[in-house]
N, C-alpha and C. Protein backbone atom coordinates (compact mmCIF):
# COMPACT_ATOMS: atom_id res chain seq x y z
N MET A 1 -26.54 61.35 71.97
CA MET A 1 -26.99 61.73 73.09
C MET A 1 -25.39 61.11 73.96
N THR A 2 -24.91 61.81 74.40
CA THR A 2 -23.74 61.35 75.16
C THR A 2 -24.22 61.23 76.86
N ASP A 3 -23.28 60.84 77.67
CA ASP A 3 -23.23 60.79 78.75
C ASP A 3 -23.12 61.96 79.73
N GLU A 4 -22.85 62.91 79.09
CA GLU A 4 -22.96 64.35 79.87
C GLU A 4 -23.90 64.73 79.55
N ASN A 5 -24.97 64.28 78.70
CA ASN A 5 -26.63 64.59 78.46
C ASN A 5 -27.47 64.01 79.63
N LEU A 6 -26.83 62.96 80.60
CA LEU A 6 -27.77 62.22 80.89
C LEU A 6 -27.07 62.64 81.97
N ASP A 7 -28.40 62.56 83.03
CA ASP A 7 -28.30 62.59 84.97
C ASP A 7 -29.38 61.43 85.40
N LYS A 8 -29.07 60.87 86.46
CA LYS A 8 -30.04 60.12 87.24
C LYS A 8 -30.78 60.81 87.87
N LEU A 9 -32.05 60.22 87.96
CA LEU A 9 -33.71 60.64 88.44
C LEU A 9 -33.84 60.12 89.81
N HIS A 10 -34.71 59.95 90.45
CA HIS A 10 -35.28 59.11 90.79
C HIS A 10 -36.94 59.57 91.17
N ILE A 11 -37.21 58.47 91.80
CA ILE A 11 -38.83 58.34 91.84
C ILE A 11 -38.97 57.65 93.50
N ASP A 12 -40.10 58.07 94.39
CA ASP A 12 -39.96 57.02 95.88
C ASP A 12 -41.59 56.40 95.38
N LEU A 13 -41.19 54.76 95.49
CA LEU A 13 -42.40 53.83 95.79
C LEU A 13 -42.79 53.42 96.76
N PRO A 14 -43.17 54.17 97.54
CA PRO A 14 -43.32 53.41 99.44
C PRO A 14 -44.20 52.33 99.17
N ASN A 15 -45.47 52.06 98.48
CA ASN A 15 -46.12 51.31 98.31
C ASN A 15 -45.82 50.10 97.41
N HIS A 16 -44.59 50.08 96.70
CA HIS A 16 -44.83 48.92 95.63
C HIS A 16 -44.22 47.70 96.67
N TRP A 17 -44.38 46.56 95.95
CA TRP A 17 -44.24 45.10 96.60
C TRP A 17 -43.16 44.63 96.13
N ALA A 18 -41.77 45.11 95.91
CA ALA A 18 -40.39 44.72 95.67
C ALA A 18 -39.15 45.46 96.21
N ILE A 19 -39.81 46.94 96.40
CA ILE A 19 -39.05 48.38 96.76
C ILE A 19 -39.02 49.33 96.75
N GLY A 20 -38.67 50.12 97.59
CA GLY A 20 -38.61 51.56 98.23
C GLY A 20 -38.75 52.54 97.19
N GLY A 21 -38.32 52.36 96.23
CA GLY A 21 -37.65 53.55 94.79
C GLY A 21 -36.86 53.38 93.68
N GLU A 22 -36.88 53.92 93.47
CA GLU A 22 -36.22 53.58 91.53
C GLU A 22 -35.26 54.60 91.21
N SER A 23 -34.45 54.78 90.68
CA SER A 23 -33.15 55.47 89.56
C SER A 23 -33.36 55.29 88.73
N LEU A 24 -33.58 56.51 87.57
CA LEU A 24 -33.80 55.99 85.91
C LEU A 24 -32.66 56.74 85.77
N TRP A 25 -32.21 56.27 84.05
CA TRP A 25 -31.41 57.53 83.19
C TRP A 25 -32.10 58.21 82.89
N ALA A 26 -32.03 59.45 82.52
CA ALA A 26 -32.82 60.44 81.73
C ALA A 26 -31.90 61.71 80.79
N GLU A 27 -32.21 61.74 80.22
CA GLU A 27 -31.48 62.66 78.90
C GLU A 27 -31.99 64.33 79.10
N ILE A 28 -31.40 65.21 80.03
CA ILE A 28 -31.40 66.24 80.39
C ILE A 28 -31.73 67.52 79.34
N LEU A 29 -33.19 67.81 79.48
CA LEU A 29 -34.17 68.91 78.39
C LEU A 29 -33.91 70.18 78.60
N GLY A 30 -33.76 70.19 80.06
CA GLY A 30 -33.67 71.90 80.74
C GLY A 30 -34.85 72.37 81.07
N ASN A 31 -34.96 73.34 82.48
CA ASN A 31 -36.05 73.75 82.41
C ASN A 31 -36.99 73.06 83.54
N ASP A 32 -36.03 71.57 83.84
CA ASP A 32 -36.74 70.46 85.14
C ASP A 32 -37.25 69.86 84.07
N LEU A 33 -36.68 69.23 83.02
CA LEU A 33 -37.51 68.55 81.95
C LEU A 33 -36.49 67.40 81.36
N TYR A 34 -36.87 66.23 81.72
CA TYR A 34 -35.94 65.23 81.64
C TYR A 34 -36.77 63.75 80.12
N ARG A 35 -35.55 63.27 79.55
CA ARG A 35 -36.74 62.44 79.12
C ARG A 35 -36.03 61.21 79.39
N ILE A 36 -36.77 59.65 79.93
CA ILE A 36 -36.24 58.51 80.55
C ILE A 36 -35.54 57.80 79.24
N ALA A 37 -34.69 57.62 79.88
CA ALA A 37 -33.18 56.89 78.77
C ALA A 37 -32.97 55.41 79.34
N ASN A 38 -33.75 54.93 79.86
CA ASN A 38 -34.25 53.51 79.98
C ASN A 38 -35.17 52.78 80.51
N VAL A 39 -35.61 51.53 80.57
CA VAL A 39 -36.67 50.99 80.63
C VAL A 39 -36.83 50.54 82.29
N PRO A 40 -38.13 51.62 82.80
CA PRO A 40 -38.14 51.69 84.31
C PRO A 40 -38.53 49.62 84.60
N PHE A 41 -37.68 49.56 85.55
CA PHE A 41 -37.69 48.38 86.58
C PHE A 41 -39.22 48.37 87.27
N PHE A 42 -39.67 49.42 87.79
CA PHE A 42 -40.15 49.03 89.28
C PHE A 42 -41.64 50.16 89.06
N ALA A 43 -41.80 51.18 88.48
CA ALA A 43 -42.34 52.30 88.44
C ALA A 43 -43.29 52.08 87.50
N TYR A 44 -44.61 52.15 87.86
CA TYR A 44 -45.75 52.40 86.84
C TYR A 44 -46.48 53.76 85.83
N GLY A 45 -46.56 53.40 84.87
CA GLY A 45 -47.03 54.68 84.40
C GLY A 45 -46.17 55.29 84.04
N LEU A 46 -44.33 54.90 83.59
CA LEU A 46 -43.33 55.28 83.34
C LEU A 46 -43.06 54.43 82.35
N ASN A 47 -42.48 54.64 81.19
CA ASN A 47 -42.06 54.82 79.90
C ASN A 47 -40.90 54.72 79.63
N TYR A 48 -39.98 54.25 78.70
CA TYR A 48 -38.86 54.47 77.81
C TYR A 48 -39.16 55.47 77.29
N GLY A 49 -38.74 57.13 76.96
CA GLY A 49 -38.86 58.08 76.12
C GLY A 49 -39.99 59.10 76.59
N ASP A 50 -40.66 58.83 78.05
CA ASP A 50 -41.66 59.84 78.18
C ASP A 50 -41.00 60.74 78.94
N VAL A 51 -40.88 62.04 78.68
CA VAL A 51 -40.84 63.52 79.15
C VAL A 51 -41.23 63.34 80.81
N VAL A 52 -40.55 63.88 81.91
CA VAL A 52 -40.73 63.84 83.27
C VAL A 52 -40.21 65.66 83.49
N ARG A 53 -41.03 65.74 84.66
CA ARG A 53 -40.12 67.15 85.36
C ARG A 53 -39.71 66.20 86.45
N ALA A 54 -38.88 66.93 86.92
CA ALA A 54 -38.02 66.67 88.29
C ALA A 54 -37.33 68.03 88.81
N ASN A 55 -37.32 67.79 89.96
CA ASN A 55 -36.31 68.62 90.64
C ASN A 55 -35.90 68.27 92.17
N SER A 56 -35.17 69.02 92.41
CA SER A 56 -34.46 69.07 93.88
C SER A 56 -34.29 69.28 94.19
N THR A 57 -34.73 70.36 95.77
CA THR A 57 -34.08 71.06 96.65
C THR A 57 -32.65 70.95 97.29
N ASP A 58 -32.11 69.97 97.06
CA ASP A 58 -31.04 69.86 97.50
C ASP A 58 -29.94 68.90 96.25
N PRO A 59 -28.93 70.12 96.15
CA PRO A 59 -28.09 69.89 95.43
C PRO A 59 -27.40 68.38 95.12
N GLU A 60 -27.11 68.10 96.62
CA GLU A 60 -26.58 66.57 96.59
C GLU A 60 -27.82 65.07 96.51
N LEU A 61 -28.54 65.41 96.23
CA LEU A 61 -29.55 64.25 96.02
C LEU A 61 -30.35 64.43 94.54
N LYS A 62 -30.36 63.42 94.00
CA LYS A 62 -31.11 63.10 93.03
C LYS A 62 -32.50 63.78 92.98
N PRO A 63 -32.41 64.53 91.18
CA PRO A 63 -34.07 65.40 91.36
C PRO A 63 -34.67 63.73 91.36
N GLU A 64 -35.71 64.11 91.96
CA GLU A 64 -37.06 63.49 92.24
C GLU A 64 -38.17 63.63 91.24
N ILE A 65 -38.76 62.44 90.82
CA ILE A 65 -39.57 62.76 89.35
C ILE A 65 -40.80 63.39 90.07
N GLN A 66 -41.59 64.26 89.53
CA GLN A 66 -42.72 65.19 89.94
C GLN A 66 -44.15 64.67 89.27
N GLU A 67 -44.25 64.56 87.40
CA GLU A 67 -45.05 64.67 86.83
C GLU A 67 -44.49 64.59 85.69
N LEU A 68 -45.19 63.43 85.17
CA LEU A 68 -45.27 63.15 83.19
C LEU A 68 -45.94 63.97 82.33
N VAL A 69 -45.00 64.47 81.43
CA VAL A 69 -45.31 65.87 81.09
C VAL A 69 -46.10 65.31 79.63
N GLU A 70 -44.73 64.29 79.12
CA GLU A 70 -45.64 63.67 77.74
C GLU A 70 -44.89 62.58 77.70
N GLN A 71 -46.09 61.90 77.23
CA GLN A 71 -45.79 59.94 77.12
C GLN A 71 -44.93 59.84 75.37
N GLY A 72 -43.59 59.30 75.55
CA GLY A 72 -42.82 59.23 74.62
C GLY A 72 -43.39 57.80 73.44
N GLY A 73 -44.81 57.47 73.93
CA GLY A 73 -45.17 56.53 72.67
C GLY A 73 -44.86 55.09 73.34
N HIS A 74 -43.52 54.72 73.96
CA HIS A 74 -43.52 53.29 74.45
C HIS A 74 -44.19 52.58 75.44
N ARG A 75 -44.27 51.13 75.41
CA ARG A 75 -44.93 50.82 76.74
C ARG A 75 -44.29 49.43 77.23
N THR A 76 -44.55 49.41 78.53
CA THR A 76 -43.47 48.83 79.10
C THR A 76 -43.90 47.17 79.69
N LEU A 77 -43.48 46.00 79.54
CA LEU A 77 -43.98 44.92 80.12
C LEU A 77 -42.93 44.51 80.90
N ARG A 78 -42.92 43.94 82.38
CA ARG A 78 -41.62 43.41 82.96
C ARG A 78 -42.23 41.26 83.74
N VAL A 79 -41.29 41.03 83.18
CA VAL A 79 -40.45 39.58 83.82
C VAL A 79 -40.19 39.00 84.85
N ILE A 80 -40.59 38.52 85.68
CA ILE A 80 -39.69 37.45 86.12
C ILE A 80 -39.69 35.83 86.16
N PHE A 81 -38.57 35.39 85.46
CA PHE A 81 -38.34 34.30 85.20
C PHE A 81 -38.73 33.31 86.27
N ASP A 82 -38.71 31.61 86.10
CA ASP A 82 -38.77 31.16 87.06
C ASP A 82 -37.17 30.50 87.11
N LYS A 83 -37.13 30.40 88.31
CA LYS A 83 -35.25 30.18 88.98
C LYS A 83 -35.02 28.87 88.04
N SER A 84 -35.85 27.93 87.99
CA SER A 84 -35.30 26.96 86.95
C SER A 84 -35.19 27.18 85.28
N VAL A 85 -35.61 28.16 84.60
CA VAL A 85 -35.00 28.77 83.38
C VAL A 85 -33.87 29.73 83.55
N ASP A 86 -32.91 28.24 82.45
CA ASP A 86 -31.18 28.71 82.71
C ASP A 86 -31.59 30.07 81.52
N ARG A 87 -30.31 30.99 81.63
CA ARG A 87 -29.81 32.04 80.96
C ARG A 87 -30.20 32.23 79.51
N GLU A 88 -29.50 30.79 79.00
CA GLU A 88 -29.83 30.44 77.28
C GLU A 88 -31.32 30.10 77.06
N LYS A 89 -32.32 29.71 77.53
CA LYS A 89 -33.41 29.56 76.99
C LYS A 89 -34.28 30.67 77.82
N GLN A 90 -34.07 32.00 78.70
CA GLN A 90 -34.79 33.25 78.41
C GLN A 90 -34.37 33.71 77.41
N VAL A 91 -33.16 34.07 76.79
CA VAL A 91 -32.80 34.47 75.40
C VAL A 91 -33.30 33.86 74.48
N GLU A 92 -33.58 32.53 74.12
CA GLU A 92 -34.25 31.96 73.11
C GLU A 92 -36.19 32.96 73.19
N LEU A 93 -36.03 32.86 74.53
CA LEU A 93 -37.65 33.29 74.59
C LEU A 93 -37.52 34.78 74.63
N LEU A 94 -36.74 35.12 74.72
CA LEU A 94 -36.93 37.37 74.65
C LEU A 94 -36.56 37.58 73.27
N GLU A 95 -35.98 36.85 72.88
CA GLU A 95 -35.82 36.83 71.27
C GLU A 95 -37.14 36.77 70.14
N GLN A 96 -37.88 36.22 70.93
CA GLN A 96 -39.55 35.99 70.05
C GLN A 96 -39.85 36.66 69.75
N LEU A 97 -39.39 37.77 70.95
CA LEU A 97 -40.45 39.47 70.90
C LEU A 97 -39.92 40.41 70.35
N GLU A 98 -38.71 39.85 69.66
CA GLU A 98 -38.22 40.90 68.31
C GLU A 98 -38.85 41.29 67.50
N ARG A 99 -39.79 40.10 66.68
CA ARG A 99 -40.38 40.63 65.49
C ARG A 99 -41.38 41.57 65.80
N PHE A 100 -42.01 41.74 67.28
CA PHE A 100 -42.84 42.76 67.55
C PHE A 100 -42.52 43.86 68.09
N LYS A 101 -40.69 44.39 67.90
CA LYS A 101 -40.72 45.27 67.90
C LYS A 101 -40.48 45.38 69.69
N ALA A 102 -40.07 44.77 70.04
CA ALA A 102 -39.53 44.58 71.47
C ALA A 102 -38.42 44.11 72.26
N SER A 103 -37.51 45.00 72.80
CA SER A 103 -36.39 44.53 73.08
C SER A 103 -36.53 44.31 74.86
N TYR A 104 -35.88 44.20 75.07
CA TYR A 104 -35.60 44.42 76.87
C TYR A 104 -34.15 44.66 77.23
N GLU A 105 -33.97 45.51 79.01
CA GLU A 105 -33.33 45.30 79.70
C GLU A 105 -33.10 44.31 80.76
N ARG A 106 -31.99 43.69 81.53
CA ARG A 106 -31.69 42.73 82.45
C ARG A 106 -31.47 43.52 83.93
N ALA A 107 -32.29 43.27 84.77
CA ALA A 107 -31.94 43.91 86.08
C ALA A 107 -30.70 43.10 86.89
N ASP A 108 -31.34 41.08 86.57
CA ASP A 108 -30.22 40.48 87.48
C ASP A 108 -30.56 38.83 86.38
N ASP A 109 -30.49 38.18 86.98
CA ASP A 109 -30.78 36.57 86.46
C ASP A 109 -32.35 36.66 85.80
N ILE A 110 -33.06 36.99 87.16
CA ILE A 110 -34.54 36.54 86.22
C ILE A 110 -35.11 37.45 85.70
N ASN A 111 -34.83 38.84 86.68
CA ASN A 111 -35.76 40.38 86.40
C ASN A 111 -35.42 40.79 84.95
N VAL A 112 -36.52 41.24 84.23
CA VAL A 112 -36.08 41.81 82.91
C VAL A 112 -37.37 42.99 82.71
N ALA A 113 -37.03 43.77 82.23
CA ALA A 113 -38.20 45.40 81.57
C ALA A 113 -37.64 44.91 80.33
N ILE A 114 -38.98 44.96 79.85
CA ILE A 114 -39.28 44.66 78.27
C ILE A 114 -39.96 46.09 77.32
N ASP A 115 -39.49 46.47 76.93
CA ASP A 115 -39.69 47.82 75.96
C ASP A 115 -40.26 47.76 74.75
N VAL A 116 -41.45 47.71 74.44
CA VAL A 116 -42.28 47.63 73.25
C VAL A 116 -42.20 49.29 72.71
N GLU A 117 -41.29 49.36 71.66
CA GLU A 117 -41.53 50.72 70.05
C GLU A 117 -42.94 50.98 70.10
N PRO A 118 -42.96 52.51 69.85
CA PRO A 118 -44.13 52.89 69.65
C PRO A 118 -44.73 52.55 68.67
N ASP A 119 -44.30 51.92 67.70
CA ASP A 119 -44.99 51.20 66.29
C ASP A 119 -44.62 49.66 66.60
N GLY A 120 -44.72 49.07 67.63
CA GLY A 120 -44.44 47.88 67.84
C GLY A 120 -45.92 47.12 68.63
N ASP A 121 -45.25 46.01 68.23
CA ASP A 121 -46.96 45.29 68.34
C ASP A 121 -47.26 44.89 69.81
N TYR A 122 -47.77 45.69 70.82
CA TYR A 122 -47.87 45.48 72.07
C TYR A 122 -48.55 44.50 71.99
N LEU A 123 -49.61 44.12 71.83
CA LEU A 123 -50.64 42.99 72.07
C LEU A 123 -49.91 41.70 71.88
N ALA A 124 -49.62 41.30 70.78
CA ALA A 124 -48.70 40.44 70.32
C ALA A 124 -47.41 40.32 71.16
N SER A 125 -46.93 41.01 71.98
CA SER A 125 -46.38 41.02 72.39
C SER A 125 -46.59 40.15 74.13
N TYR A 126 -47.66 40.97 74.28
CA TYR A 126 -48.16 40.42 75.85
C TYR A 126 -48.35 39.18 75.48
N ASP A 127 -49.52 38.72 74.21
CA ASP A 127 -50.28 37.21 74.41
C ASP A 127 -48.68 36.25 74.47
N LYS A 128 -47.53 36.65 73.61
CA LYS A 128 -46.92 35.60 73.69
C LYS A 128 -46.42 35.21 75.50
N LEU A 129 -45.88 36.61 75.82
CA LEU A 129 -45.63 35.94 77.54
C LEU A 129 -46.73 35.52 78.19
N GLU A 130 -47.84 35.56 77.88
CA GLU A 130 -49.13 35.09 78.91
C GLU A 130 -48.62 33.58 78.04
N GLU A 131 -48.45 33.18 76.96
CA GLU A 131 -47.95 32.34 76.70
C GLU A 131 -47.11 31.23 77.16
N PHE A 132 -45.77 32.20 77.42
CA PHE A 132 -44.34 31.52 78.61
C PHE A 132 -44.95 31.39 79.58
N GLU A 133 -46.03 32.50 80.50
CA GLU A 133 -46.21 31.96 81.76
C GLU A 133 -47.38 30.89 81.68
N ASN A 134 -47.85 30.36 80.81
CA ASN A 134 -48.53 29.54 81.17
C ASN A 134 -48.12 28.26 80.99
N ASN A 135 -47.30 27.95 80.49
CA ASN A 135 -46.02 27.07 79.93
C ASN A 135 -45.14 26.65 80.77
N GLY A 136 -45.12 28.14 82.46
CA GLY A 136 -44.59 27.78 83.78
C GLY A 136 -42.61 28.25 83.50
N PHE A 137 -42.41 29.04 82.52
CA PHE A 137 -41.27 29.30 81.80
C PHE A 137 -41.13 30.93 83.03
N LEU A 138 -42.38 31.57 82.90
CA LEU A 138 -42.27 33.58 83.68
C LEU A 138 -43.98 33.79 84.33
N ASP A 139 -43.59 34.93 85.20
CA ASP A 139 -44.52 35.95 85.28
C ASP A 139 -44.37 36.85 84.63
N PHE A 140 -45.73 37.81 84.23
CA PHE A 140 -44.96 38.70 84.18
C PHE A 140 -46.17 40.06 84.00
N GLU A 141 -46.00 41.24 84.47
CA GLU A 141 -47.17 41.99 84.56
C GLU A 141 -46.73 43.32 83.46
N THR A 142 -47.83 44.47 83.24
CA THR A 142 -48.28 45.06 82.51
C THR A 142 -47.63 46.26 83.51
N CYS A 143 -47.31 47.59 83.03
CA CYS A 143 -46.44 48.81 83.97
C CYS A 143 -47.46 49.97 83.88
N GLU A 144 -49.08 49.82 83.06
CA GLU A 144 -50.00 50.93 83.32
C GLU A 144 -49.83 51.76 85.20
N ALA A 145 -49.81 53.11 85.02
CA ALA A 145 -50.31 53.59 86.16
C ALA A 145 -51.46 52.80 87.07
N ARG A 146 -50.93 51.94 87.81
CA ARG A 146 -51.97 51.66 89.40
C ARG A 146 -52.61 52.91 89.79
N VAL A 147 -52.24 53.99 90.31
CA VAL A 147 -52.97 55.07 90.84
C VAL A 147 -52.52 56.24 90.02
N ASN A 148 -53.84 57.22 90.13
CA ASN A 148 -54.06 58.23 89.56
C ASN A 148 -52.78 59.09 90.39
N SER A 149 -52.13 59.64 89.12
CA SER A 149 -50.84 60.99 89.78
C SER A 149 -49.88 60.31 90.55
N SER A 150 -50.06 58.75 90.45
CA SER A 150 -48.80 58.16 90.95
C SER A 150 -48.06 57.14 90.41
N PHE A 151 -46.82 57.19 90.48
CA PHE A 151 -46.44 56.29 89.60
C PHE A 151 -45.78 54.98 90.90
N ASP A 152 -46.24 54.84 91.74
CA ASP A 152 -46.63 53.90 92.45
C ASP A 152 -47.68 52.90 92.75
N ASP A 153 -47.23 51.31 93.28
CA ASP A 153 -48.46 50.41 93.04
C ASP A 153 -49.21 50.96 94.50
N SER A 154 -50.48 50.06 94.24
CA SER A 154 -52.04 50.81 95.04
C SER A 154 -50.96 50.02 96.14
N PRO A 155 -51.65 51.16 97.57
CA PRO A 155 -51.52 50.50 98.95
C PRO A 155 -52.33 49.07 98.97
N GLU A 156 -51.65 48.02 100.24
CA GLU A 156 -51.94 47.10 100.24
C GLU A 156 -53.08 47.07 100.71
N ASN A 157 -53.93 47.88 101.07
CA ASN A 157 -54.90 47.85 102.56
C ASN A 157 -55.87 47.98 101.64
N GLU A 158 -55.83 48.60 99.47
CA GLU A 158 -57.03 48.87 99.06
C GLU A 158 -57.70 47.86 98.43
């Protein structure tokens, strides 16, 4: 896959606790179909390798994700490290997930998205993160859909 086969997609997230929208890299498949090419940091119910339908009525705007067409089998977990945990310790903790076929992408100094491969051990990854959370190193969340037919968080008033 070359950069020429990639495009940036957008997704509105008006109810998300941290951000109003997110851009994702995706492989262009044709006919408004795209394969997500990075781990989502904010959207729920989307994972690396998923195929989505996205389009734009304005060529100046990024295509907007409309629907999930096919799940790619990957699962996502998201981590926020405690500010007291330095980068070296973060890497040490994250490397412990590799044996479960889990890798990570970093948004900044404390926010990390974890991708668990389709044949990886999601439950073991979850358990290990729960252990790290109980030890005060981080907080984490699962990334399953929160609202039916949406990639957003639930509205606060629910």
